[in-house]
């Protein structure tokens, strides 16, 4: 059985915790806030607790925790995964990513057209 470290990371952290840790933005009671990816005067960024994901109704940015960190820091998904792994003490990755995980990352990013 193949282990998807991206899925494990996204399932291990709450999107609202990721949002606050990296952007210091708190959600209102409706689960919305101003989008950190553009100048936003009215809350258009929504966090969906049921799917642990986000979507901005103004700029169209959306995804999961790894995608948020990738967009926020403008890094590749693997680097975002490493940051989440380290900052939330998930211990999903070793200091050096082994070859199997590199192959998995390349396969996933190719599938998602991220390379």
Protein backbone atom coordinates (compact mmCIF):
# COMPACT_ATOMS: atom_id res chain seq x y z
CA UNK A 1 0.00 0.00 0.00
CA UNK A 2 1.31 3.41 -0.99
CA UNK A 3 1.67 6.06 1.70
CA UNK A 4 0.70 9.59 0.69
CA UNK A 5 2.57 11.94 3.02
CA UNK A 6 0.74 14.94 1.54
CA UNK A 7 -2.62 13.49 2.61
CA UNK A 8 -1.29 12.54 6.03
CA UNK A 9 0.05 16.07 6.57
CA UNK A 10 -3.23 17.65 5.48
CA UNK A 11 -5.22 15.30 7.71
CA UNK A 12 -2.90 15.99 10.67
CA UNK A 13 -3.24 19.77 10.87
CA UNK A 14 -6.29 22.03 10.96
CA UNK A 15 -6.48 24.54 8.14
CA UNK A 16 -7.35 27.32 10.61
CA UNK A 17 -4.19 26.52 12.63
CA UNK A 18 -2.06 26.66 9.48
CA UNK A 19 -3.68 29.97 8.50
CA UNK A 20 -2.95 31.52 11.89
CA UNK A 21 0.56 30.08 12.28
CA UNK A 22 1.82 31.46 8.98
CA UNK A 23 -0.26 34.59 8.38
CA UNK A 24 -1.44 35.48 11.94
CA UNK A 25 -5.00 35.76 10.57
CA UNK A 26 -7.93 34.60 12.67
CA UNK A 27 -11.26 33.51 11.23
CA UNK A 28 -14.53 35.19 12.10
CA UNK A 29 -17.49 33.15 13.38
CA UNK A 30 -18.55 32.36 9.80
CA UNK A 31 -15.12 30.82 9.09
CA UNK A 32 -14.06 33.74 6.88
CA UNK A 33 -11.24 36.28 6.86
CA UNK A 34 -9.50 38.67 4.50
CA UNK A 35 -7.48 36.79 1.92
CA UNK A 36 -3.71 36.83 2.54
CA UNK A 37 -3.02 36.49 -1.20
CA UNK A 38 -4.43 39.84 -2.35
CA UNK A 39 -5.63 43.21 -1.03
CA UNK A 40 -8.95 42.21 0.46
CA UNK A 41 -11.19 44.70 2.28
CA UNK A 42 -14.08 42.33 2.89
CA UNK A 43 -13.67 38.73 4.07
CA UNK A 44 -13.67 36.58 0.94
CA UNK A 45 -11.38 33.79 2.20
CA UNK A 46 -13.39 30.87 3.61
CA UNK A 47 -12.08 27.88 5.57
CA UNK A 48 -14.17 24.72 5.36
CA UNK A 49 -13.71 22.71 8.54
CA UNK A 50 -15.53 19.66 7.16
CA UNK A 51 -13.02 19.22 4.33
CA UNK A 52 -10.10 21.00 6.03
CA UNK A 53 -9.65 23.24 3.00
CA UNK A 54 -9.89 26.89 1.93
CA UNK A 55 -11.21 28.95 -0.95
CA UNK A 56 -11.07 32.66 -1.77
CA UNK A 57 -14.14 33.89 -3.60
CA UNK A 58 -12.25 36.93 -4.92
CA UNK A 59 -8.98 35.57 -6.31
CA UNK A 60 -9.95 31.90 -6.68
CA UNK A 61 -7.11 30.52 -4.56
CA UNK A 62 -8.09 27.28 -2.91
CA UNK A 63 -6.84 23.97 -1.64
CA UNK A 64 -5.54 22.30 1.47
CA UNK A 65 -2.88 23.13 4.06
CA UNK A 66 0.07 22.18 1.82
CA UNK A 67 -1.36 24.28 -1.01
CA UNK A 68 -1.83 27.25 1.34
CA UNK A 69 1.78 27.14 2.54
CA UNK A 70 2.98 26.63 -1.03
CA UNK A 71 1.08 29.73 -2.20
CA UNK A 72 1.85 31.83 0.88
CA UNK A 73 5.61 31.28 0.73
CA UNK A 74 5.74 30.79 -3.05
CA UNK A 75 7.49 27.44 -2.76
CA UNK A 76 6.99 24.03 -4.32
CA UNK A 77 4.55 21.63 -2.63
CA UNK A 78 7.38 19.43 -1.30
CA UNK A 79 9.00 22.42 0.39
CA UNK A 80 5.61 23.40 1.85
CA UNK A 81 5.19 19.85 3.12
CA UNK A 82 8.63 19.97 4.75
CA UNK A 83 7.76 23.28 6.43
CA UNK A 84 4.47 21.94 7.82
CA UNK A 85 6.19 18.72 8.90
CA UNK A 86 8.83 20.67 10.81
CA UNK A 87 6.65 23.48 12.21
CA UNK A 88 3.87 21.18 13.46
CA UNK A 89 6.29 18.42 14.62
CA UNK A 90 4.58 15.77 12.50
CA UNK A 91 7.79 13.80 11.90
CA UNK A 92 6.51 12.51 8.55
CA UNK A 93 9.78 13.16 6.77
CA UNK A 94 13.36 12.51 7.70
CA UNK A 95 15.83 15.35 7.38
CA UNK A 96 16.61 13.97 3.94
CA UNK A 97 13.68 12.79 1.88
CA UNK A 98 14.28 9.20 0.81
CA UNK A 99 14.14 8.10 -2.82
CA UNK A 100 10.70 6.50 -2.50
CA UNK A 101 9.19 9.78 -1.28
CA UNK A 102 10.96 11.70 -4.06
CA UNK A 103 9.44 9.34 -6.65
CA UNK A 104 6.02 9.72 -4.99
CA UNK A 105 6.35 13.51 -5.04
CA UNK A 106 7.34 13.52 -8.73
CA UNK A 107 4.41 11.23 -9.57
CA UNK A 108 1.92 13.37 -7.64
CA UNK A 109 3.18 16.69 -9.01
CA UNK A 110 3.21 15.32 -12.54
CA UNK A 111 -0.37 14.15 -12.03
CA UNK A 112 -1.34 17.59 -10.70
CA UNK A 113 0.71 19.38 -13.42
CA UNK A 114 2.79 21.17 -10.81
CA UNK A 115 6.24 20.52 -12.23
